[in-house]
Amino acid sequence: METHTKSTFDTLPDSGYVRQSQIIPNVIPVSSASWWRGVKSGRYPKPVKFSERVTAWRVGDIRLLLVNQAAEVAP
């Protein structure tokens, strides 16, 4: 699992924002519907709405999510 987490960290930019297509399914392997259910429930980070048609997530929030998910799996 650590190798997978490391590779997803490597695919993210160092800072800034990422769009949904940059997150799923390559970084977080879920469907779009599952992603949005997770956002609504608080499992996944809240997005930042830049305009009516542009939504993105802070890279730091996504990295924190990955770290927390790895910690849940680790013995």
Protein backbone atom coordinates (compact mmCIF):
# COMPACT_ATOMS: atom_id res chain seq x y z
CA MET A 1 0.00 0.00 0.00
CA GLU A 2 2.81 2.43 0.77
CA THR A 3 4.13 2.15 -2.79
CA HIS A 4 0.69 3.04 -4.16
CA THR A 5 0.39 6.01 -1.79
CA LYS A 6 3.87 7.22 -2.73
CA SER A 7 3.09 7.02 -6.44
CA THR A 8 -0.11 9.02 -5.96
CA PHE A 9 1.82 11.66 -4.06
CA ASP A 10 4.21 11.83 -7.02
CA THR A 11 1.36 12.40 -9.47
CA LEU A 12 0.05 15.44 -7.59
CA PRO A 13 1.52 18.91 -8.04
CA ASP A 14 3.45 20.33 -5.07
CA SER A 15 0.77 22.89 -4.25
CA GLY A 16 -2.27 24.60 -5.64
CA TYR A 17 -5.48 22.99 -6.77
CA VAL A 18 -6.50 19.88 -8.70
CA ARG A 19 -9.66 19.12 -10.62
CA GLN A 20 -11.75 15.99 -10.17
CA SER A 21 -10.29 14.40 -13.31
CA GLN A 22 -6.82 14.67 -11.74
CA ILE A 23 -8.00 12.92 -8.55
CA ILE A 24 -10.20 10.06 -9.69
CA PRO A 25 -9.65 7.28 -10.61
CA ASN A 26 -5.83 7.56 -10.64
CA VAL A 27 -5.20 9.01 -7.17
CA ILE A 28 -8.38 7.93 -5.41
CA PRO A 29 -9.81 4.81 -7.12
CA VAL A 30 -13.54 5.54 -6.82
CA SER A 31 -16.30 6.49 -9.23
CA SER A 32 -17.42 10.08 -9.66
CA ALA A 33 -20.68 9.32 -7.85
CA SER A 34 -18.82 7.74 -4.91
CA TRP A 35 -16.46 10.72 -4.78
CA TRP A 36 -19.33 13.20 -4.52
CA ARG A 37 -21.13 11.08 -1.90
CA GLY A 38 -17.87 11.08 0.08
CA VAL A 39 -17.56 14.86 -0.26
CA LYS A 40 -21.15 15.29 0.93
CA SER A 41 -20.62 12.97 3.92
CA GLY A 42 -17.29 14.57 4.90
CA ARG A 43 -15.17 11.53 4.06
CA TYR A 44 -13.44 13.47 1.27
CA PRO A 45 -12.33 17.13 1.36
CA LYS A 46 -14.67 19.95 0.47
CA PRO A 47 -14.04 21.52 -2.93
CA VAL A 48 -13.37 25.15 -3.75
CA LYS A 49 -15.83 26.61 -6.25
CA PHE A 50 -14.04 29.02 -8.61
CA SER A 51 -17.02 29.61 -10.89
CA GLU A 52 -20.29 27.97 -11.87
CA ARG A 53 -18.44 25.34 -13.91
CA VAL A 54 -15.04 25.18 -12.19
CA THR A 55 -14.58 23.18 -8.98
CA ALA A 56 -11.22 22.09 -7.56
CA TRP A 57 -9.63 20.71 -4.41
CA ARG A 58 -6.59 21.96 -2.52
CA VAL A 59 -3.62 19.66 -3.12
CA GLY A 60 -2.79 19.80 0.59
CA ASP A 61 -6.26 18.47 1.45
CA ILE A 62 -5.86 15.58 -1.01
CA ARG A 63 -2.39 14.74 0.33
CA LEU A 64 -3.76 14.74 3.89
CA LEU A 65 -6.58 12.42 2.80
CA LEU A 66 -4.03 10.00 1.33
CA VAL A 67 -1.93 10.05 4.50
CA ASN A 68 -5.01 9.40 6.64
CA GLN A 69 -6.16 6.56 4.39
CA ALA A 70 -2.71 4.95 4.56
CA ALA A 71 -2.75 5.24 8.37
CA GLU A 72 -6.16 3.49 8.51
CA VAL A 73 -4.79 0.54 6.54
CA ALA A 74 -1.44 0.24 8.34
CA PRO A 75 -1.30 -2.32 11.16
